[in-house]
PDB file of N, CA and C in Angstrom:
ATOM      1  N   MET A   1       9.090  27.251 -31.293  1.00  0.00           N
ATOM      2  CA  MET A   1       9.684  28.391 -30.676  1.00  0.00           C
ATOM      3  C   MET A   1      10.978  28.681 -31.421  1.00  0.00           C
ATOM      4  N   THR A   2      11.216  29.954 -31.744  1.00  0.00           N
ATOM      5  CA  THR A   2      12.407  30.359 -32.477  1.00  0.00           C
ATOM      6  C   THR A   2      13.357  31.088 -31.534  1.00  0.00           C
ATOM      7  N   LEU A   3      14.618  30.759 -31.620  1.00  0.00           N
ATOM      8  CA  LEU A   3      15.630  31.454 -30.830  1.00  0.00           C
ATOM      9  C   LEU A   3      16.450  32.341 -31.753  1.00  0.00           C
ATOM     10  N   TYR A   4      16.761  33.532 -31.275  1.00  0.00           N
ATOM     11  CA  TYR A   4      17.691  34.360 -32.019  1.00  0.00           C
ATOM     12  C   TYR A   4      18.410  35.276 -31.035  1.00  0.00           C
ATOM     13  N   MET A   5      19.595  35.704 -31.404  1.00  0.00           N
ATOM     14  CA  MET A   5      20.397  36.540 -30.513  1.00  0.00           C
ATOM     15  C   MET A   5      20.485  37.949 -31.081  1.00  0.00           C
ATOM     16  N   THR A   6      20.527  38.907 -30.181  1.00  0.00           N
ATOM     17  CA  THR A   6      20.701  40.290 -30.601  1.00  0.00           C
ATOM     18  C   THR A   6      21.816  40.924 -29.780  1.00  0.00           C
ATOM     19  N   MET A   7      22.461  41.892 -30.347  1.00  0.00           N
ATOM     20  CA  MET A   7      23.519  42.617 -29.641  1.00  0.00           C
ATOM     21  C   MET A   7      22.910  43.550 -28.596  1.00  0.00           C
ATOM     22  N   ASP A   8      21.636  43.934 -28.757  1.00  0.00           N
ATOM     23  CA  ASP A   8      20.976  44.824 -27.811  1.00  0.00           C
ATOM     24  C   ASP A   8      20.844  44.183 -26.441  1.00  0.00           C
ATOM     25  N   ASP A   9      20.902  42.875 -26.381  1.00  0.00           N
ATOM     26  CA  ASP A   9      20.752  42.184 -25.110  1.00  0.00           C
ATOM     27  C   ASP A   9      22.018  42.274 -24.254  1.00  0.00           C
ATOM     28  N   ASP A  10      23.065  42.877 -24.782  1.00  0.00           N
ATOM     29  CA  ASP A  10      24.324  43.032 -24.060  1.00  0.00           C
ATOM     30  C   ASP A  10      24.244  44.327 -23.248  1.00  0.00           C
ATOM     31  N   ARG A  11      23.363  44.362 -22.260  1.00  0.00           N
ATOM     32  CA  ARG A  11      23.088  45.589 -21.504  1.00  0.00           C
ATOM     33  C   ARG A  11      24.206  45.934 -20.520  1.00  0.00           C
ATOM     34  N   GLU A  12      24.877  44.936 -19.959  1.00  0.00           N
ATOM     35  CA  GLU A  12      25.925  45.206 -18.991  1.00  0.00           C
ATOM     36  C   GLU A  12      27.238  45.569 -19.663  1.00  0.00           C
ATOM     37  N   GLY A  13      27.350  45.384 -20.960  1.00  0.00           N
ATOM     38  CA  GLY A  13      28.575  45.721 -21.669  1.00  0.00           C
ATOM     39  C   GLY A  13      29.702  44.744 -21.400  1.00  0.00           C
ATOM     40  N   ASP A  14      29.351  43.537 -20.965  1.00  0.00           N
ATOM     41  CA  ASP A  14      30.390  42.563 -20.650  1.00  0.00           C
ATOM     42  C   ASP A  14      30.724  41.650 -21.824  1.00  0.00           C
ATOM     43  N   GLY A  15      30.155  41.926 -22.989  1.00  0.00           N
ATOM     44  CA  GLY A  15      30.477  41.150 -24.177  1.00  0.00           C
ATOM     45  C   GLY A  15      29.635  39.910 -24.355  1.00  0.00           C
ATOM     46  N   ASP A  16      28.812  39.563 -23.363  1.00  0.00           N
ATOM     47  CA  ASP A  16      27.943  38.390 -23.503  1.00  0.00           C
ATOM     48  C   ASP A  16      26.763  38.733 -24.401  1.00  0.00           C
ATOM     49  N   ILE A  17      26.342  37.752 -25.170  1.00  0.00           N
ATOM     50  CA  ILE A  17      25.188  37.934 -26.044  1.00  0.00           C
ATOM     51  C   ILE A  17      24.023  37.180 -25.433  1.00  0.00           C
ATOM     52  N   GLY A  18      22.883  37.840 -25.309  1.00  0.00           N
ATOM     53  CA  GLY A  18      21.697  37.204 -24.721  1.00  0.00           C
ATOM     54  C   GLY A  18      20.896  36.439 -25.760  1.00  0.00           C
ATOM     55  N   VAL A  19      19.957  35.690 -25.276  1.00  0.00           N
ATOM     56  CA  VAL A  19      19.063  34.926 -26.139  1.00  0.00           C
ATOM     57  C   VAL A  19      17.645  35.415 -25.906  1.00  0.00           C
ATOM     58  N   LYS A  20      16.998  35.787 -26.971  1.00  0.00           N
ATOM     59  CA  LYS A  20      15.628  36.264 -26.872  1.00  0.00           C
ATOM     60  C   LYS A  20      14.720  35.186 -27.446  1.00  0.00           C
ATOM     61  N   LEU A  21      13.670  34.871 -26.726  1.00  0.00           N
ATOM     62  CA  LEU A  21      12.740  33.837 -27.171  1.00  0.00           C
ATOM     63  C   LEU A  21      11.532  34.484 -27.827  1.00  0.00           C
ATOM     64  N   GLU A  22      11.153  33.931 -28.956  1.00  0.00           N
ATOM     65  CA  GLU A  22       9.973  34.419 -29.664  1.00  0.00           C
ATOM     66  C   GLU A  22       8.990  33.260 -29.754  1.00  0.00           C
ATOM     67  N   GLU A  23       7.785  33.447 -29.276  1.00  0.00           N
ATOM     68  CA  GLU A  23       6.793  32.377 -29.292  1.00  0.00           C
ATOM     69  C   GLU A  23       5.897  32.470 -30.521  1.00  0.00           C
ATOM     70  N   ARG A  24       5.623  31.311 -31.082  1.00  0.00           N
ATOM     71  CA  ARG A  24       4.680  31.234 -32.198  1.00  0.00           C
ATOM     72  C   ARG A  24       3.370  30.681 -31.669  1.00  0.00           C
ATOM     73  N   PRO A  25       2.266  31.120 -32.231  1.00  0.00           N
ATOM     74  CA  PRO A  25       0.991  30.542 -31.790  1.00  0.00           C
ATOM     75  C   PRO A  25       0.928  29.063 -32.184  1.00  0.00           C
ATOM     76  N   LYS A  26       0.383  28.245 -31.298  1.00  0.00           N
ATOM     77  CA  LYS A  26       0.256  26.818 -31.586  1.00  0.00           C
ATOM     78  C   LYS A  26      -0.914  26.605 -32.531  1.00  0.00           C
ATOM     79  N   THR A  27      -0.710  25.692 -33.480  1.00  0.00           N
ATOM     80  CA  THR A  27      -1.798  25.380 -34.401  1.00  0.00           C
ATOM     81  C   THR A  27      -2.700  24.339 -33.755  1.00  0.00           C
ATOM     82  N   LYS A  28      -3.996  24.488 -33.981  1.00  0.00           N
ATOM     83  CA  LYS A  28      -4.971  23.554 -33.417  1.00  0.00           C
ATOM     84  C   LYS A  28      -5.068  22.322 -34.296  1.00  0.00           C
ATOM     85  N   ARG A  29      -5.305  21.194 -33.662  1.00  0.00           N
ATOM     86  CA  ARG A  29      -5.582  19.971 -34.414  1.00  0.00           C
ATOM     87  C   ARG A  29      -7.002  20.080 -34.961  1.00  0.00           C
ATOM     88  N   PRO A  30      -7.226  19.552 -36.162  1.00  0.00           N
ATOM     89  CA  PRO A  30      -8.585  19.607 -36.699  1.00  0.00           C
ATOM     90  C   PRO A  30      -9.509  18.724 -35.869  1.00  0.00           C
ATOM     91  N   PRO A  31     -10.789  19.073 -35.799  1.00  0.00           N
ATOM     92  CA  PRO A  31     -11.723  18.256 -35.021  1.00  0.00           C
ATOM     93  C   PRO A  31     -11.895  16.879 -35.649  1.00  0.00           C
ATOM     94  N   LEU A  32     -12.184  15.900 -34.814  1.00  0.00           N
ATOM     95  CA  LEU A  32     -12.402  14.542 -35.294  1.00  0.00           C
ATOM     96  C   LEU A  32     -13.889  14.221 -35.281  1.00  0.00           C
ATOM     97  N   TYR A  33     -14.266  13.267 -36.128  1.00  0.00           N
ATOM     98  CA  TYR A  33     -15.670  12.890 -36.281  1.00  0.00           C
ATOM     99  C   TYR A  33     -15.824  11.384 -36.119  1.00  0.00           C
ATOM    100  N   LYS A  34     -16.849  10.998 -35.369  1.00  0.00           N
ATOM    101  CA  LYS A  34     -17.169   9.589 -35.187  1.00  0.00           C
ATOM    102  C   LYS A  34     -18.057   9.144 -36.339  1.00  0.00           C
ATOM    103  N   VAL A  35     -17.764   7.988 -36.902  1.00  0.00           N
ATOM    104  CA  VAL A  35     -18.617   7.385 -37.924  1.00  0.00           C
ATOM    105  C   VAL A  35     -19.426   6.302 -37.217  1.00  0.00           C
ATOM    106  N   LEU A  36     -20.755   6.365 -37.381  1.00  0.00           N
ATOM    107  CA  LEU A  36     -21.648   5.429 -36.708  1.00  0.00           C
ATOM    108  C   LEU A  36     -22.462   4.622 -37.710  1.00  0.00           C
ATOM    109  N   ILE A  37     -22.681   3.361 -37.387  1.00  0.00           N
ATOM    110  CA  ILE A  37     -23.579   2.496 -38.162  1.00  0.00           C
ATOM    111  C   ILE A  37     -24.831   2.327 -37.301  1.00  0.00           C
ATOM    112  N   LEU A  38     -25.988   2.464 -37.930  1.00  0.00           N
ATOM    113  CA  LEU A  38     -27.265   2.349 -37.219  1.00  0.00           C
ATOM    114  C   LEU A  38     -27.952   1.034 -37.570  1.00  0.00           C
ATOM    115  N   ASN A  39     -28.626   0.471 -36.596  1.00  0.00           N
ATOM    116  CA  ASN A  39     -29.330  -0.780 -36.799  1.00  0.00           C
ATOM    117  C   ASN A  39     -30.641  -0.555 -37.556  1.00  0.00           C
ATOM    118  N   ASP A  40     -31.033  -1.545 -38.332  1.00  0.00           N
ATOM    119  CA  ASP A  40     -32.361  -1.574 -38.941  1.00  0.00           C
ATOM    120  C   ASP A  40     -32.806  -3.031 -38.970  1.00  0.00           C
ATOM    121  N   ASP A  41     -34.060  -3.258 -39.281  1.00  0.00           N
ATOM    122  CA  ASP A  41     -34.610  -4.622 -39.245  1.00  0.00           C
ATOM    123  C   ASP A  41     -34.509  -5.350 -40.580  1.00  0.00           C
ATOM    124  N   TYR A  42     -33.861  -4.753 -41.571  1.00  0.00           N
ATOM    125  CA  TYR A  42     -33.883  -5.340 -42.909  1.00  0.00           C
ATOM    126  C   TYR A  42     -32.522  -5.676 -43.499  1.00  0.00           C
ATOM    127  N   THR A  43     -31.497  -4.919 -43.169  1.00  0.00           N
ATOM    128  CA  THR A  43     -30.173  -5.170 -43.736  1.00  0.00           C
ATOM    129  C   THR A  43     -29.609  -6.468 -43.155  1.00  0.00           C
ATOM    130  N   PRO A  44     -29.187  -7.393 -44.011  1.00  0.00           N
ATOM    131  CA  PRO A  44     -28.627  -8.651 -43.502  1.00  0.00           C
ATOM    132  C   PRO A  44     -27.352  -8.413 -42.690  1.00  0.00           C
ATOM    133  N   MET A  45     -27.200  -9.195 -41.649  1.00  0.00           N
ATOM    134  CA  MET A  45     -26.018  -9.073 -40.787  1.00  0.00           C
ATOM    135  C   MET A  45     -24.729  -9.302 -41.579  1.00  0.00           C
ATOM    136  N   GLU A  46     -24.777 -10.213 -42.527  1.00  0.00           N
ATOM    137  CA  GLU A  46     -23.595 -10.517 -43.338  1.00  0.00           C
ATOM    138  C   GLU A  46     -23.162  -9.295 -44.144  1.00  0.00           C
ATOM    139  N   PHE A  47     -24.134  -8.502 -44.594  1.00  0.00           N
ATOM    140  CA  PHE A  47     -23.812  -7.303 -45.359  1.00  0.00           C
ATOM    141  C   PHE A  47     -23.097  -6.291 -44.471  1.00  0.00           C
ATOM    142  N   VAL A  48     -23.558  -6.133 -43.246  1.00  0.00           N
ATOM    143  CA  VAL A  48     -22.919  -5.198 -42.308  1.00  0.00           C
ATOM    144  C   VAL A  48     -21.483  -5.643 -42.028  1.00  0.00           C
ATOM    145  N   VAL A  49     -21.280  -6.940 -41.838  1.00  0.00           N
ATOM    146  CA  VAL A  49     -19.934  -7.477 -41.616  1.00  0.00           C
ATOM    147  C   VAL A  49     -19.053  -7.151 -42.822  1.00  0.00           C
ATOM    148  N   HIS A  50     -19.584  -7.349 -44.010  1.00  0.00           N
ATOM    149  CA  HIS A  50     -18.835  -7.053 -45.239  1.00  0.00           C
ATOM    150  C   HIS A  50     -18.445  -5.566 -45.303  1.00  0.00           C
ATOM    151  N   VAL A  51     -19.368  -4.687 -44.975  1.00  0.00           N
ATOM    152  CA  VAL A  51     -19.108  -3.239 -44.993  1.00  0.00           C
ATOM    153  C   VAL A  51     -17.991  -2.886 -44.010  1.00  0.00           C
ATOM    154  N   LEU A  52     -18.049  -3.448 -42.820  1.00  0.00           N
ATOM    155  CA  LEU A  52     -17.037  -3.148 -41.810  1.00  0.00           C
ATOM    156  C   LEU A  52     -15.656  -3.643 -42.225  1.00  0.00           C
ATOM    157  N   GLU A  53     -15.610  -4.793 -42.859  1.00  0.00           N
ATOM    158  CA  GLU A  53     -14.330  -5.314 -43.350  1.00  0.00           C
ATOM    159  C   GLU A  53     -13.794  -4.454 -44.486  1.00  0.00           C
ATOM    160  N   ARG A  54     -14.668  -4.137 -45.415  1.00  0.00           N
ATOM    161  CA  ARG A  54     -14.257  -3.433 -46.636  1.00  0.00           C
ATOM    162  C   ARG A  54     -13.852  -1.981 -46.406  1.00  0.00           C
ATOM    163  N   PHE A  55     -14.659  -1.247 -45.670  1.00  0.00           N
ATOM    164  CA  PHE A  55     -14.424   0.195 -45.546  1.00  0.00           C
ATOM    165  C   PHE A  55     -13.706   0.614 -44.269  1.00  0.00           C
ATOM    166  N   PHE A  56     -13.681  -0.260 -43.268  1.00  0.00           N
ATOM    167  CA  PHE A  56     -13.079   0.124 -41.991  1.00  0.00           C
ATOM    168  C   PHE A  56     -11.896  -0.760 -41.606  1.00  0.00           C
ATOM    169  N   GLY A  57     -11.491  -1.662 -42.522  1.00  0.00           N
ATOM    170  CA  GLY A  57     -10.284  -2.459 -42.339  1.00  0.00           C
ATOM    171  C   GLY A  57     -10.306  -3.407 -41.158  1.00  0.00           C
ATOM    172  N   MET A  58     -11.479  -3.838 -40.770  1.00  0.00           N
ATOM    173  CA  MET A  58     -11.588  -4.751 -39.630  1.00  0.00           C
ATOM    174  C   MET A  58     -11.445  -6.196 -40.086  1.00  0.00           C
ATOM    175  N   THR A  59     -10.994  -7.025 -39.151  1.00  0.00           N
ATOM    176  CA  THR A  59     -10.956  -8.460 -39.422  1.00  0.00           C
ATOM    177  C   THR A  59     -12.391  -8.985 -39.407  1.00  0.00           C
ATOM    178  N   HIS A  60     -12.545 -10.214 -39.856  1.00  0.00           N
ATOM    179  CA  HIS A  60     -13.898 -10.803 -39.855  1.00  0.00           C
ATOM    180  C   HIS A  60     -14.437 -10.885 -38.426  1.00  0.00           C
ATOM    181  N   GLN A  61     -13.594 -11.272 -37.492  1.00  0.00           N
ATOM    182  CA  GLN A  61     -14.029 -11.396 -36.088  1.00  0.00           C
ATOM    183  C   GLN A  61     -14.416 -10.032 -35.516  1.00  0.00           C
ATOM    184  N   GLU A  62     -13.596  -9.011 -35.749  1.00  0.00           N
ATOM    185  CA  GLU A  62     -13.912  -7.661 -35.263  1.00  0.00           C
ATOM    186  C   GLU A  62     -15.215  -7.158 -35.870  1.00  0.00           C
ATOM    187  N   SER A  63     -15.377  -7.401 -37.175  1.00  0.00           N
ATOM    188  CA  SER A  63     -16.588  -6.956 -37.868  1.00  0.00           C
ATOM    189  C   SER A  63     -17.818  -7.645 -37.315  1.00  0.00           C
ATOM    190  N   PHE A  64     -17.699  -8.936 -37.070  1.00  0.00           N
ATOM    191  CA  PHE A  64     -18.829  -9.707 -36.553  1.00  0.00           C
ATOM    192  C   PHE A  64     -19.230  -9.204 -35.164  1.00  0.00           C
ATOM    193  N   GLU A  65     -18.244  -8.973 -34.304  1.00  0.00           N
ATOM    194  CA  GLU A  65     -18.536  -8.490 -32.956  1.00  0.00           C
ATOM    195  C   GLU A  65     -19.166  -7.096 -32.973  1.00  0.00           C
ATOM    196  N   LEU A  66     -18.658  -6.221 -33.830  1.00  0.00           N
ATOM    197  CA  LEU A  66     -19.224  -4.872 -33.924  1.00  0.00           C
ATOM    198  C   LEU A  66     -20.623  -4.904 -34.517  1.00  0.00           C
ATOM    199  N   MET A  67     -20.849  -5.778 -35.494  1.00  0.00           N
ATOM    200  CA  MET A  67     -22.190  -5.932 -36.065  1.00  0.00           C
ATOM    201  C   MET A  67     -23.170  -6.359 -34.971  1.00  0.00           C
ATOM    202  N   LEU A  68     -22.766  -7.256 -34.083  1.00  0.00           N
ATOM    203  CA  LEU A  68     -23.640  -7.680 -32.985  1.00  0.00           C
ATOM    204  C   LEU A  68     -23.916  -6.521 -32.023  1.00  0.00           C
ATOM    205  N   THR A  69     -22.923  -5.672 -31.804  1.00  0.00           N
ATOM    206  CA  THR A  69     -23.122  -4.483 -30.965  1.00  0.00           C
ATOM    207  C   THR A  69     -24.166  -3.568 -31.599  1.00  0.00           C
ATOM    208  N   VAL A  70     -24.052  -3.355 -32.899  1.00  0.00           N
ATOM    209  CA  VAL A  70     -25.034  -2.528 -33.617  1.00  0.00           C
ATOM    210  C   VAL A  70     -26.422  -3.156 -33.483  1.00  0.00           C
ATOM    211  N   HIS A  71     -26.500  -4.462 -33.659  1.00  0.00           N
ATOM    212  CA  HIS A  71     -27.771  -5.179 -33.602  1.00  0.00           C
ATOM    213  C   HIS A  71     -28.410  -5.073 -32.212  1.00  0.00           C
ATOM    214  N   LYS A  72     -27.606  -5.213 -31.169  1.00  0.00           N
ATOM    215  CA  LYS A  72     -28.133  -5.209 -29.798  1.00  0.00           C
ATOM    216  C   LYS A  72     -28.379  -3.813 -29.245  1.00  0.00           C
ATOM    217  N   LYS A  73     -27.484  -2.871 -29.551  1.00  0.00           N
ATOM    218  CA  LYS A  73     -27.575  -1.534 -28.951  1.00  0.00           C
ATOM    219  C   LYS A  73     -28.208  -0.490 -29.861  1.00  0.00           C
ATOM    220  N   GLY A  74     -28.368  -0.826 -31.143  1.00  0.00           N
ATOM    221  CA  GLY A  74     -29.005   0.118 -32.059  1.00  0.00           C
ATOM    222  C   GLY A  74     -28.036   0.939 -32.890  1.00  0.00           C
ATOM    223  N   LEU A  75     -26.800   1.066 -32.413  1.00  0.00           N
ATOM    224  CA  LEU A  75     -25.775   1.780 -33.171  1.00  0.00           C
ATOM    225  C   LEU A  75     -24.422   1.494 -32.552  1.00  0.00           C
ATOM    226  N   ALA A  76     -23.379   1.812 -33.299  1.00  0.00           N
ATOM    227  CA  ALA A  76     -22.012   1.665 -32.784  1.00  0.00           C
ATOM    228  C   ALA A  76     -21.087   2.599 -33.543  1.00  0.00           C
ATOM    229  N   VAL A  77     -20.075   3.086 -32.859  1.00  0.00           N
ATOM    230  CA  VAL A  77     -19.024   3.875 -33.493  1.00  0.00           C
ATOM    231  C   VAL A  77     -18.089   2.890 -34.178  1.00  0.00           C
ATOM    232  N   VAL A  78     -17.879   3.097 -35.470  1.00  0.00           N
ATOM    233  CA  VAL A  78     -17.028   2.186 -36.230  1.00  0.00           C
ATOM    234  C   VAL A  78     -15.665   2.789 -36.561  1.00  0.00           C
ATOM    235  N   GLY A  79     -15.485   4.057 -36.244  1.00  0.00           N
ATOM    236  CA  GLY A  79     -14.203   4.701 -36.471  1.00  0.00           C
ATOM    237  C   GLY A  79     -14.260   6.180 -36.145  1.00  0.00           C
ATOM    238  N   VAL A  80     -13.092   6.773 -35.958  1.00  0.00           N
ATOM    239  CA  VAL A  80     -12.976   8.209 -35.686  1.00  0.00           C
ATOM    240  C   VAL A  80     -11.942   8.765 -36.663  1.00  0.00           C
ATOM    241  N   TYR A  81     -12.351   9.805 -37.415  1.00  0.00           N
ATOM    242  CA  TYR A  81     -11.529  10.310 -38.519  1.00  0.00           C
ATOM    243  C   TYR A  81     -11.637  11.825 -38.614  1.00  0.00           C
ATOM    244  N   SER A  82     -10.791  12.396 -39.468  1.00  0.00           N
ATOM    245  CA  SER A  82     -10.937  13.812 -39.815  1.00  0.00           C
ATOM    246  C   SER A  82     -12.249  13.960 -40.594  1.00  0.00           C
ATOM    247  N   HIS A  83     -12.708  15.178 -40.751  1.00  0.00           N
ATOM    248  CA  HIS A  83     -13.998  15.419 -41.398  1.00  0.00           C
ATOM    249  C   HIS A  83     -14.070  14.808 -42.792  1.00  0.00           C
ATOM    250  N   GLU A  84     -13.040  15.042 -43.595  1.00  0.00           N
ATOM    251  CA  GLU A  84     -13.069  14.582 -44.983  1.00  0.00           C
ATOM    252  C   GLU A  84     -13.094  13.055 -45.077  1.00  0.00           C
ATOM    253  N   ILE A  85     -12.290  12.406 -44.256  1.00  0.00           N
ATOM    254  CA  ILE A  85     -12.255  10.943 -44.296  1.00  0.00           C
ATOM    255  C   ILE A  85     -13.563  10.362 -43.776  1.00  0.00           C
ATOM    256  N   ALA A  86     -14.091  10.917 -42.695  1.00  0.00           N
ATOM    257  CA  ALA A  86     -15.369  10.445 -42.151  1.00  0.00           C
ATOM    258  C   ALA A  86     -16.479  10.597 -43.189  1.00  0.00           C
ATOM    259  N   GLU A  87     -16.497  11.731 -43.855  1.00  0.00           N
ATOM    260  CA  GLU A  87     -17.509  11.992 -44.880  1.00  0.00           C
ATOM    261  C   GLU A  87     -17.398  10.982 -46.026  1.00  0.00           C
ATOM    262  N   THR A  88     -16.173  10.673 -46.426  1.00  0.00           N
ATOM    263  CA  THR A  88     -15.946   9.696 -47.490  1.00  0.00           C
ATOM    264  C   THR A  88     -16.428   8.310 -47.073  1.00  0.00           C
ATOM    265  N   LYS A  89     -16.109   7.907 -45.848  1.00  0.00           N
ATOM    266  CA  LYS A  89     -16.538   6.590 -45.353  1.00  0.00           C
ATOM    267  C   LYS A  89     -18.062   6.488 -45.341  1.00  0.00           C
ATOM    268  N   VAL A  90     -18.727   7.517 -44.846  1.00  0.00           N
ATOM    269  CA  VAL A  90     -20.197   7.518 -44.801  1.00  0.00           C
ATOM    270  C   VAL A  90     -20.760   7.383 -46.212  1.00  0.00           C
ATOM    271  N   THR A  91     -20.223   8.134 -47.143  1.00  0.00           N
ATOM    272  CA  THR A  91     -20.682   8.084 -48.537  1.00  0.00           C
ATOM    273  C   THR A  91     -20.470   6.703 -49.134  1.00  0.00           C
ATOM    274  N   GLN A  92     -19.308   6.105 -48.893  1.00  0.00           N
ATOM    275  CA  GLN A  92     -19.022   4.772 -49.430  1.00  0.00           C
ATOM    276  C   GLN A  92     -20.018   3.743 -48.898  1.00  0.00           C
ATOM    277  N   VAL A  93     -20.282   3.781 -47.598  1.00  0.00           N
ATOM    278  CA  VAL A  93     -21.216   2.826 -46.991  1.00  0.00           C
ATOM    279  C   VAL A  93     -22.617   3.026 -47.545  1.00  0.00           C
ATOM    280  N   MET A  94     -23.047   4.272 -47.597  1.00  0.00           N
ATOM    281  CA  MET A  94     -24.409   4.563 -48.068  1.00  0.00           C
ATOM    282  C   MET A  94     -24.581   4.190 -49.542  1.00  0.00           C
ATOM    283  N   ASP A  95     -23.565   4.445 -50.348  1.00  0.00           N
ATOM    284  CA  ASP A  95     -23.637   4.092 -51.773  1.00  0.00           C
ATOM    285  C   ASP A  95     -23.735   2.582 -51.965  1.00  0.00           C
ATOM    286  N   LEU A  96     -22.910   1.825 -51.237  1.00  0.00           N
ATOM    287  CA  LEU A  96     -22.947   0.368 -51.367  1.00  0.00           C
ATOM    288  C   LEU A  96     -24.288  -0.188 -50.873  1.00  0.00           C
ATOM    289  N   ALA A  97     -24.781   0.346 -49.779  1.00  0.00           N
ATOM    290  CA  ALA A  97     -26.087  -0.107 -49.256  1.00  0.00           C
ATOM    291  C   ALA A  97     -27.191   0.177 -50.279  1.00  0.00           C
ATOM    292  N   ARG A  98     -27.147   1.340 -50.883  1.00  0.00           N
ATOM    293  CA  ARG A  98     -28.150   1.707 -51.889  1.00  0.00           C
ATOM    294  C   ARG A  98     -28.058   0.783 -53.104  1.00  0.00           C
ATOM    295  N   GLN A  99     -26.835   0.483 -53.545  1.00  0.00           N
ATOM    296  CA  GLN A  99     -26.639  -0.416 -54.697  1.00  0.00           C
ATOM    297  C   GLN A  99     -27.237  -1.791 -54.432  1.00  0.00           C
ATOM    298  N   HIS A 100     -27.167  -2.231 -53.188  1.00  0.00           N
ATOM    299  CA  HIS A 100     -27.689  -3.551 -52.825  1.00  0.00           C
ATOM    300  C   HIS A 100     -29.110  -3.478 -52.267  1.00  0.00           C
ATOM    301  N   GLN A 101     -29.702  -2.299 -52.347  1.00  0.00           N
ATOM    302  CA  GLN A 101     -31.075  -2.047 -51.918  1.00  0.00           C
ATOM    303  C   GLN A 101     -31.305  -2.386 -50.447  1.00  0.00           C
ATOM    304  N   HIS A 102     -30.343  -1.996 -49.613  1.00  0.00           N
ATOM    305  CA  HIS A 102     -30.468  -2.166 -48.166  1.00  0.00           C
ATOM    306  C   HIS A 102     -30.671  -0.792 -47.533  1.00  0.00           C
ATOM    307  N   PRO A 103     -31.474  -0.709 -46.484  1.00  0.00           N
ATOM    308  CA  PRO A 103     -31.719   0.588 -45.836  1.00  0.00           C
ATOM    309  C   PRO A 103     -30.670   0.960 -44.766  1.00  0.00           C
ATOM    310  N   LEU A 104     -29.523   0.310 -44.805  1.00  0.00           N
ATOM    311  CA  LEU A 104     -28.477   0.570 -43.807  1.00  0.00           C
ATOM    312  C   LEU A 104     -28.154   2.063 -43.751  1.00  0.00           C
ATOM    313  N   GLN A 105     -28.048   2.593 -42.539  1.00  0.00           N
ATOM    314  CA  GLN A 105     -27.728   4.007 -42.357  1.00  0.00           C
ATOM    315  C   GLN A 105     -26.368   4.137 -41.691  1.00  0.00           C
ATOM    316  N   CYS A 106     -25.597   5.084 -42.177  1.00  0.00           N
ATOM    317  CA  CYS A 106     -24.277   5.399 -41.626  1.00  0.00           C
ATOM    318  C   CYS A 106     -24.222   6.918 -41.501  1.00  0.00           C
ATOM    319  N   THR A 107     -23.814   7.399 -40.333  1.00  0.00           N
ATOM    320  CA  THR A 107     -23.766   8.837 -40.089  1.00  0.00           C
ATOM    321  C   THR A 107     -22.438   9.202 -39.449  1.00  0.00           C
ATOM    322  N   MET A 108     -22.239  10.492 -39.293  1.00  0.00           N
ATOM    323  CA  MET A 108     -21.050  10.980 -38.592  1.00  0.00           C
ATOM    324  C   MET A 108     -21.461  12.106 -37.666  1.00  0.00           C
ATOM    325  N   GLU A 109     -20.716  12.233 -36.579  1.00  0.00           N
ATOM    326  CA  GLU A 109     -20.951  13.335 -35.658  1.00  0.00           C
ATOM    327  C   GLU A 109     -19.633  13.769 -35.051  1.00  0.00           C
ATOM    328  N   LYS A 110     -19.560  15.037 -34.702  1.00  0.00           N
ATOM    329  CA  LYS A 110     -18.337  15.593 -34.138  1.00  0.00           C
ATOM    330  C   LYS A 110     -18.044  14.936 -32.803  1.00  0.00           C
ATOM    331  N   GLU A 111     -16.787  14.643 -32.582  1.00  0.00           N
ATOM    332  CA  GLU A 111     -16.397  13.964 -31.333  1.00  0.00           C
ATOM    333  C   GLU A 111     -16.400  14.938 -30.178  1.00  0.00           C
TER     334      GLU A 111
END
């Protein structure tokens, strides 16, 4: 919000200067995206733990627990990011899985 004073606001002629408020439109926050890891029957659990540590900055314990969630529930949210960062994380995971010939799937969806 910007404040500025004008002499026109001195309507009573008493020498006081008024304050006029000007509102600016609020900028919207960009939408966030959830990054999800999906379970499969072939990717080794150790590889999933490694991916979570490497690309999502989790400790070994956090990675292990989240890997078990993926294994038991079929998928898990591993992070929430802006579109560009989420897209980069998905690409990094998919590229590493492909290099190691694992069918691990990583996706993103709008929060």
